[in-house]
Amino acid sequence: MQKLTTWAFLLGGLSSTAIAQPVNVQEQQQWLLEQVRIGEALYREDLVRDSLARLQLIAPNNPQALAASIRQALLEKKT
């Protein structure tokens, strides 16, 4: 039983790291923009804020990120 638990734990860890991770900067940008869209759809302002903060670090002049920042500011009533 101990072996089964150990193997399940190890395989579970491997499968979570094997999930598609963005490799290059462009993929990271697209992934973060998708996170912003998901956050907006689910009304998760924390997810939107975090994704936008990361996006600003890797692509500060991305037009889609700037538009999302404006939408977020309007939602938070920060003019």
PDB file of N, CA and C in Angstrom:
ATOM      1  N   MET A   1       0.817  -1.186   0.000  1.00  0.00           N
ATOM      2  CA  MET A   1       0.000   0.000   0.000  1.00  0.00           C
ATOM      3  C   MET A   1       0.870   1.263   0.000  1.00  0.00           C
ATOM      4  N   GLN A   2       1.974   1.225   0.746  1.00  0.00           N
ATOM      5  CA  GLN A   2       2.887   2.366   0.809  1.00  0.00           C
ATOM      6  C   GLN A   2       3.478   2.656  -0.565  1.00  0.00           C
ATOM      7  N   LYS A   3       3.832   1.581  -1.315  1.00  0.00           N
ATOM      8  CA  LYS A   3       4.396   1.778  -2.654  1.00  0.00           C
ATOM      9  C   LYS A   3       3.390   2.449  -3.575  1.00  0.00           C
ATOM     10  N   LEU A   4       2.142   2.030  -3.484  1.00  0.00           N
ATOM     11  CA  LEU A   4       1.101   2.596  -4.333  1.00  0.00           C
ATOM     12  C   LEU A   4       0.923   4.085  -4.045  1.00  0.00           C
ATOM     13  N   THR A   5       0.934   4.443  -2.779  1.00  0.00           N
ATOM     14  CA  THR A   5       0.793   5.847  -2.404  1.00  0.00           C
ATOM     15  C   THR A   5       1.981   6.659  -2.907  1.00  0.00           C
ATOM     16  N   THR A   6       3.171   6.117  -2.784  1.00  0.00           N
ATOM     17  CA  THR A   6       4.369   6.800  -3.254  1.00  0.00           C
ATOM     18  C   THR A   6       4.325   7.005  -4.761  1.00  0.00           C
ATOM     19  N   TRP A   7       3.958   5.975  -5.499  1.00  0.00           N
ATOM     20  CA  TRP A   7       3.872   6.092  -6.953  1.00  0.00           C
ATOM     21  C   TRP A   7       2.794   7.080  -7.375  1.00  0.00           C
ATOM     22  N   ALA A   8       1.673   7.053  -6.713  1.00  0.00           N
ATOM     23  CA  ALA A   8       0.599   7.992  -7.038  1.00  0.00           C
ATOM     24  C   ALA A   8       1.054   9.427  -6.803  1.00  0.00           C
ATOM     25  N   PHE A   9       1.775   9.646  -5.712  1.00  0.00           N
ATOM     26  CA  PHE A   9       2.290  10.977  -5.406  1.00  0.00           C
ATOM     27  C   PHE A   9       3.286  11.432  -6.462  1.00  0.00           C
ATOM     28  N   LEU A  10       4.215  10.555  -6.832  1.00  0.00           N
ATOM     29  CA  LEU A  10       5.221  10.902  -7.832  1.00  0.00           C
ATOM     30  C   LEU A  10       4.599  11.166  -9.193  1.00  0.00           C
ATOM     31  N   LEU A  11       3.682  10.313  -9.610  1.00  0.00           N
ATOM     32  CA  LEU A  11       3.038  10.503 -10.909  1.00  0.00           C
ATOM     33  C   LEU A  11       2.156  11.738 -10.916  1.00  0.00           C
ATOM     34  N   GLY A  12       1.524  12.023  -9.800  1.00  0.00           N
ATOM     35  CA  GLY A  12       0.716  13.234  -9.703  1.00  0.00           C
ATOM     36  C   GLY A  12       1.564  14.478  -9.858  1.00  0.00           C
ATOM     37  N   GLY A  13       2.743  14.480  -9.264  1.00  0.00           N
ATOM     38  CA  GLY A  13       3.655  15.606  -9.394  1.00  0.00           C
ATOM     39  C   GLY A  13       4.174  15.766 -10.806  1.00  0.00           C
ATOM     40  N   LEU A  14       4.445  14.653 -11.463  1.00  0.00           N
ATOM     41  CA  LEU A  14       4.925  14.715 -12.837  1.00  0.00           C
ATOM     42  C   LEU A  14       3.854  15.221 -13.778  1.00  0.00           C
ATOM     43  N   SER A  15       2.627  14.778 -13.576  1.00  0.00           N
ATOM     44  CA  SER A  15       1.570  15.203 -14.485  1.00  0.00           C
ATOM     45  C   SER A  15       1.278  16.692 -14.336  1.00  0.00           C
ATOM     46  N   SER A  16       1.399  17.228 -13.138  1.00  0.00           N
ATOM     47  CA  SER A  16       1.136  18.654 -12.968  1.00  0.00           C
ATOM     48  C   SER A  16       2.229  19.502 -13.607  1.00  0.00           C
ATOM     49  N   THR A  17       3.468  19.002 -13.627  1.00  0.00           N
ATOM     50  CA  THR A  17       4.526  19.765 -14.281  1.00  0.00           C
ATOM     51  C   THR A  17       4.508  19.560 -15.784  1.00  0.00           C
ATOM     52  N   ALA A  18       3.885  18.493 -16.231  1.00  0.00           N
ATOM     53  CA  ALA A  18       3.834  18.220 -17.661  1.00  0.00           C
ATOM     54  C   ALA A  18       2.721  18.994 -18.356  1.00  0.00           C
ATOM     55  N   ILE A  19       1.865  19.671 -17.580  1.00  0.00           N
ATOM     56  CA  ILE A  19       0.811  20.480 -18.179  1.00  0.00           C
ATOM     57  C   ILE A  19       1.477  21.589 -18.977  1.00  0.00           C
ATOM     58  N   ALA A  20       0.855  21.946 -20.095  1.00  0.00           N
ATOM     59  CA  ALA A  20       1.447  22.914 -21.024  1.00  0.00           C
ATOM     60  C   ALA A  20       1.856  24.195 -20.310  1.00  0.00           C
ATOM     61  N   GLN A  21       3.134  24.431 -20.269  1.00  0.00           N
ATOM     62  CA  GLN A  21       3.683  25.649 -19.690  1.00  0.00           C
ATOM     63  C   GLN A  21       4.164  26.531 -20.838  1.00  0.00           C
ATOM     64  N   PRO A  22       3.895  27.827 -20.790  1.00  0.00           N
ATOM     65  CA  PRO A  22       4.393  28.711 -21.844  1.00  0.00           C
ATOM     66  C   PRO A  22       5.921  28.716 -21.859  1.00  0.00           C
ATOM     67  N   VAL A  23       6.477  28.596 -23.056  1.00  0.00           N
ATOM     68  CA  VAL A  23       7.925  28.472 -23.184  1.00  0.00           C
ATOM     69  C   VAL A  23       8.572  29.809 -23.527  1.00  0.00           C
ATOM     70  N   ASN A  24       8.102  30.460 -24.561  1.00  0.00           N
ATOM     71  CA  ASN A  24       8.744  31.712 -24.957  1.00  0.00           C
ATOM     72  C   ASN A  24       7.882  32.908 -24.532  1.00  0.00           C
ATOM     73  N   VAL A  25       8.382  34.090 -24.766  1.00  0.00           N
ATOM     74  CA  VAL A  25       7.731  35.313 -24.293  1.00  0.00           C
ATOM     75  C   VAL A  25       6.361  35.489 -24.942  1.00  0.00           C
ATOM     76  N   GLN A  26       6.258  35.185 -26.229  1.00  0.00           N
ATOM     77  CA  GLN A  26       4.980  35.351 -26.917  1.00  0.00           C
ATOM     78  C   GLN A  26       3.919  34.404 -26.349  1.00  0.00           C
ATOM     79  N   GLU A  27       4.318  33.175 -26.066  1.00  0.00           N
ATOM     80  CA  GLU A  27       3.381  32.225 -25.458  1.00  0.00           C
ATOM     81  C   GLU A  27       2.986  32.687 -24.058  1.00  0.00           C
ATOM     82  N   GLN A  28       3.932  33.250 -23.320  1.00  0.00           N
ATOM     83  CA  GLN A  28       3.635  33.767 -21.986  1.00  0.00           C
ATOM     84  C   GLN A  28       2.619  34.906 -22.064  1.00  0.00           C
ATOM     85  N   GLN A  29       2.813  35.790 -23.047  1.00  0.00           N
ATOM     86  CA  GLN A  29       1.880  36.895 -23.228  1.00  0.00           C
ATOM     87  C   GLN A  29       0.484  36.376 -23.522  1.00  0.00           C
ATOM     88  N   GLN A  30       0.379  35.427 -24.445  1.00  0.00           N
ATOM     89  CA  GLN A  30      -0.925  34.875 -24.798  1.00  0.00           C
ATOM     90  C   GLN A  30      -1.572  34.184 -23.613  1.00  0.00           C
ATOM     91  N   TRP A  31      -0.774  33.443 -22.833  1.00  0.00           N
ATOM     92  CA  TRP A  31      -1.308  32.742 -21.673  1.00  0.00           C
ATOM     93  C   TRP A  31      -1.818  33.739 -20.636  1.00  0.00           C
ATOM     94  N   LEU A  32      -1.054  34.793 -20.398  1.00  0.00           N
ATOM     95  CA  LEU A  32      -1.462  35.796 -19.420  1.00  0.00           C
ATOM     96  C   LEU A  32      -2.703  36.552 -19.884  1.00  0.00           C
ATOM     97  N   LEU A  33      -2.789  36.842 -21.183  1.00  0.00           N
ATOM     98  CA  LEU A  33      -3.994  37.491 -21.703  1.00  0.00           C
ATOM     99  C   LEU A  33      -5.206  36.581 -21.537  1.00  0.00           C
ATOM    100  N   GLU A  34      -5.015  35.300 -21.722  1.00  0.00           N
ATOM    101  CA  GLU A  34      -6.101  34.345 -21.504  1.00  0.00           C
ATOM    102  C   GLU A  34      -6.510  34.336 -20.030  1.00  0.00           C
ATOM    103  N   GLN A  35      -5.530  34.420 -19.131  1.00  0.00           N
ATOM    104  CA  GLN A  35      -5.834  34.491 -17.702  1.00  0.00           C
ATOM    105  C   GLN A  35      -6.627  35.753 -17.373  1.00  0.00           C
ATOM    106  N   VAL A  36      -6.300  36.850 -18.041  1.00  0.00           N
ATOM    107  CA  VAL A  36      -7.045  38.098 -17.845  1.00  0.00           C
ATOM    108  C   VAL A  36      -8.490  37.898 -18.285  1.00  0.00           C
ATOM    109  N   ARG A  37      -8.686  37.290 -19.457  1.00  0.00           N
ATOM    110  CA  ARG A  37     -10.044  37.058 -19.959  1.00  0.00           C
ATOM    111  C   ARG A  37     -10.838  36.151 -19.019  1.00  0.00           C
ATOM    112  N   ILE A  38     -10.185  35.112 -18.532  1.00  0.00           N
ATOM    113  CA  ILE A  38     -10.855  34.198 -17.599  1.00  0.00           C
ATOM    114  C   ILE A  38     -11.220  34.943 -16.320  1.00  0.00           C
ATOM    115  N   GLY A  39     -10.290  35.732 -15.811  1.00  0.00           N
ATOM    116  CA  GLY A  39     -10.551  36.507 -14.598  1.00  0.00           C
ATOM    117  C   GLY A  39     -11.701  37.481 -14.772  1.00  0.00           C
ATOM    118  N   GLU A  40     -11.753  38.130 -15.944  1.00  0.00           N
ATOM    119  CA  GLU A  40     -12.852  39.055 -16.212  1.00  0.00           C
ATOM    120  C   GLU A  40     -14.181  38.305 -16.304  1.00  0.00           C
ATOM    121  N   ALA A  41     -14.175  37.151 -16.940  1.00  0.00           N
ATOM    122  CA  ALA A  41     -15.405  36.381 -17.099  1.00  0.00           C
ATOM    123  C   ALA A  41     -15.924  35.852 -15.767  1.00  0.00           C
ATOM    124  N   LEU A  42     -15.006  35.509 -14.881  1.00  0.00           N
ATOM    125  CA  LEU A  42     -15.390  34.950 -13.581  1.00  0.00           C
ATOM    126  C   LEU A  42     -15.475  36.009 -12.484  1.00  0.00           C
ATOM    127  N   TYR A  43     -15.271  37.289 -12.858  1.00  0.00           N
ATOM    128  CA  TYR A  43     -15.257  38.394 -11.896  1.00  0.00           C
ATOM    129  C   TYR A  43     -14.216  38.164 -10.804  1.00  0.00           C
ATOM    130  N   ARG A  44     -13.065  37.634 -11.213  1.00  0.00           N
ATOM    131  CA  ARG A  44     -11.953  37.403 -10.282  1.00  0.00           C
ATOM    132  C   ARG A  44     -10.941  38.530 -10.464  1.00  0.00           C
ATOM    133  N   GLU A  45     -11.150  39.608  -9.758  1.00  0.00           N
ATOM    134  CA  GLU A  45     -10.283  40.769  -9.904  1.00  0.00           C
ATOM    135  C   GLU A  45      -8.851  40.478  -9.493  1.00  0.00           C
ATOM    136  N   ASP A  46      -8.672  39.565  -8.547  1.00  0.00           N
ATOM    137  CA  ASP A  46      -7.320  39.210  -8.123  1.00  0.00           C
ATOM    138  C   ASP A  46      -6.554  38.531  -9.254  1.00  0.00           C
ATOM    139  N   LEU A  47      -7.216  37.656  -9.998  1.00  0.00           N
ATOM    140  CA  LEU A  47      -6.579  36.981 -11.125  1.00  0.00           C
ATOM    141  C   LEU A  47      -6.234  37.976 -12.227  1.00  0.00           C
ATOM    142  N   VAL A  48      -7.142  38.898 -12.489  1.00  0.00           N
ATOM    143  CA  VAL A  48      -6.895  39.922 -13.508  1.00  0.00           C
ATOM    144  C   VAL A  48      -5.718  40.797 -13.103  1.00  0.00           C
ATOM    145  N   ARG A  49      -5.719  41.253 -11.849  1.00  0.00           N
ATOM    146  CA  ARG A  49      -4.641  42.125 -11.357  1.00  0.00           C
ATOM    147  C   ARG A  49      -3.281  41.437 -11.434  1.00  0.00           C
ATOM    148  N   ASP A  50      -3.229  40.187 -10.973  1.00  0.00           N
ATOM    149  CA  ASP A  50      -1.964  39.453 -10.986  1.00  0.00           C
ATOM    150  C   ASP A  50      -1.470  39.206 -12.408  1.00  0.00           C
ATOM    151  N   SER A  51      -2.373  38.818 -13.289  1.00  0.00           N
ATOM    152  CA  SER A  51      -1.991  38.548 -14.675  1.00  0.00           C
ATOM    153  C   SER A  51      -1.520  39.818 -15.367  1.00  0.00           C
ATOM    154  N   LEU A  52      -2.210  40.921 -15.113  1.00  0.00           N
ATOM    155  CA  LEU A  52      -1.796  42.188 -15.715  1.00  0.00           C
ATOM    156  C   LEU A  52      -0.442  42.650 -15.176  1.00  0.00           C
ATOM    157  N   ALA A  53      -0.199  42.437 -13.907  1.00  0.00           N
ATOM    158  CA  ALA A  53       1.089  42.822 -13.331  1.00  0.00           C
ATOM    159  C   ALA A  53       2.221  42.038 -13.980  1.00  0.00           C
ATOM    160  N   ARG A  54       2.025  40.749 -14.162  1.00  0.00           N
ATOM    161  CA  ARG A  54       3.049  39.937 -14.821  1.00  0.00           C
ATOM    162  C   ARG A  54       3.218  40.341 -16.275  1.00  0.00           C
ATOM    163  N   LEU A  55       2.100  40.617 -16.927  1.00  0.00           N
ATOM    164  CA  LEU A  55       2.144  41.009 -18.334  1.00  0.00           C
ATOM    165  C   LEU A  55       2.879  42.326 -18.504  1.00  0.00           C
ATOM    166  N   GLN A  56       2.696  43.245 -17.569  1.00  0.00           N
ATOM    167  CA  GLN A  56       3.396  44.529 -17.647  1.00  0.00           C
ATOM    168  C   GLN A  56       4.908  44.360 -17.535  1.00  0.00           C
ATOM    169  N   LEU A  57       5.327  43.332 -16.806  1.00  0.00           N
ATOM    170  CA  LEU A  57       6.764  43.086 -16.664  1.00  0.00           C
ATOM    171  C   LEU A  57       7.396  42.581 -17.954  1.00  0.00           C
ATOM    172  N   ILE A  58       6.680  41.735 -18.687  1.00  0.00           N
ATOM    173  CA  ILE A  58       7.287  41.144 -19.888  1.00  0.00           C
ATOM    174  C   ILE A  58       6.920  41.891 -21.169  1.00  0.00           C
ATOM    175  N   ALA A  59       5.798  42.622 -21.153  1.00  0.00           N
ATOM    176  CA  ALA A  59       5.380  43.358 -22.356  1.00  0.00           C
ATOM    177  C   ALA A  59       4.636  44.621 -21.942  1.00  0.00           C
ATOM    178  N   PRO A  60       5.352  45.645 -21.524  1.00  0.00           N
ATOM    179  CA  PRO A  60       4.687  46.843 -20.996  1.00  0.00           C
ATOM    180  C   PRO A  60       3.859  47.614 -22.027  1.00  0.00           C
ATOM    181  N   ASN A  61       4.143  47.462 -23.306  1.00  0.00           N
ATOM    182  CA  ASN A  61       3.415  48.216 -24.337  1.00  0.00           C
ATOM    183  C   ASN A  61       2.448  47.352 -25.131  1.00  0.00           C
ATOM    184  N   ASN A  62       2.073  46.208 -24.614  1.00  0.00           N
ATOM    185  CA  ASN A  62       1.138  45.340 -25.308  1.00  0.00           C
ATOM    186  C   ASN A  62      -0.233  46.019 -25.330  1.00  0.00           C
ATOM    187  N   PRO A  63      -0.796  46.258 -26.536  1.00  0.00           N
ATOM    188  CA  PRO A  63      -2.065  46.987 -26.622  1.00  0.00           C
ATOM    189  C   PRO A  63      -3.222  46.273 -25.923  1.00  0.00           C
ATOM    190  N   GLN A  64      -3.249  44.948 -25.983  1.00  0.00           N
ATOM    191  CA  GLN A  64      -4.321  44.207 -25.332  1.00  0.00           C
ATOM    192  C   GLN A  64      -4.199  44.311 -23.815  1.00  0.00           C
ATOM    193  N   ALA A  65      -2.975  44.323 -23.319  1.00  0.00           N
ATOM    194  CA  ALA A  65      -2.762  44.467 -21.887  1.00  0.00           C
ATOM    195  C   ALA A  65      -3.150  45.871 -21.430  1.00  0.00           C
ATOM    196  N   LEU A  66      -2.824  46.870 -22.245  1.00  0.00           N
ATOM    197  CA  LEU A  66      -3.204  48.239 -21.899  1.00  0.00           C
ATOM    198  C   LEU A  66      -4.721  48.392 -21.864  1.00  0.00           C
ATOM    199  N   ALA A  67      -5.412  47.790 -22.825  1.00  0.00           N
ATOM    200  CA  ALA A  67      -6.882  47.847 -22.851  1.00  0.00           C
ATOM    201  C   ALA A  67      -7.469  47.141 -21.626  1.00  0.00           C
ATOM    202  N   ALA A  68      -6.896  46.004 -21.273  1.00  0.00           N
ATOM    203  CA  ALA A  68      -7.372  45.282 -20.089  1.00  0.00           C
ATOM    204  C   ALA A  68      -7.112  46.091 -18.826  1.00  0.00           C
ATOM    205  N   SER A  69      -5.988  46.802 -18.779  1.00  0.00           N
ATOM    206  CA  SER A  69      -5.685  47.658 -17.622  1.00  0.00           C
ATOM    207  C   SER A  69      -6.710  48.783 -17.499  1.00  0.00           C
ATOM    208  N   ILE A  70      -7.099  49.338 -18.623  1.00  0.00           N
ATOM    209  CA  ILE A  70      -8.109  50.400 -18.612  1.00  0.00           C
ATOM    210  C   ILE A  70      -9.443  49.851 -18.130  1.00  0.00           C
ATOM    211  N   ARG A  71      -9.827  48.672 -18.642  1.00  0.00           N
ATOM    212  CA  ARG A  71     -11.081  48.053 -18.193  1.00  0.00           C
ATOM    213  C   ARG A  71     -11.046  47.796 -16.692  1.00  0.00           C
ATOM    214  N   GLN A  72      -9.918  47.305 -16.201  1.00  0.00           N
ATOM    215  CA  GLN A  72      -9.784  47.012 -14.765  1.00  0.00           C
ATOM    216  C   GLN A  72      -9.861  48.296 -13.946  1.00  0.00           C
ATOM    217  N   ALA A  73      -9.222  49.353 -14.429  1.00  0.00           N
ATOM    218  CA  ALA A  73      -9.268  50.631 -13.718  1.00  0.00           C
ATOM    219  C   ALA A  73     -10.686  51.180 -13.666  1.00  0.00           C
ATOM    220  N   LEU A  74     -11.428  51.022 -14.761  1.00  0.00           N
ATOM    221  CA  LEU A  74     -12.813  51.484 -14.773  1.00  0.00           C
ATOM    222  C   LEU A  74     -13.684  50.687 -13.808  1.00  0.00           C
ATOM    223  N   LEU A  75     -13.426  49.377 -13.732  1.00  0.00           N
ATOM    224  CA  LEU A  75     -14.187  48.549 -12.795  1.00  0.00           C
ATOM    225  C   LEU A  75     -13.892  48.933 -11.343  1.00  0.00           C
ATOM    226  N   GLU A  76     -12.643  49.287 -11.075  1.00  0.00           N
ATOM    227  CA  GLU A  76     -12.241  49.672  -9.732  1.00  0.00           C
ATOM    228  C   GLU A  76     -12.495  51.149  -9.465  1.00  0.00           C
ATOM    229  N   LYS A  77     -13.056  51.834 -10.471  1.00  0.00           N
ATOM    230  CA  LYS A  77     -13.373  53.261 -10.384  1.00  0.00           C
ATOM    231  C   LYS A  77     -12.140  54.096 -10.108  1.00  0.00           C
ATOM    232  N   LYS A  78     -11.018  53.691 -10.748  1.00  0.00           N
ATOM    233  CA  LYS A  78      -9.785  54.475 -10.677  1.00  0.00           C
ATOM    234  C   LYS A  78      -9.621  55.182 -12.024  1.00  0.00           C
ATOM    235  N   THR A  79      -9.934  56.439 -12.060  1.00  0.00           N
ATOM    236  CA  THR A  79      -9.843  57.157 -13.333  1.00  0.00           C
ATOM    237  C   THR A  79      -8.484  57.755 -13.541  1.00  0.00           C
TER     238      THR A  79
END
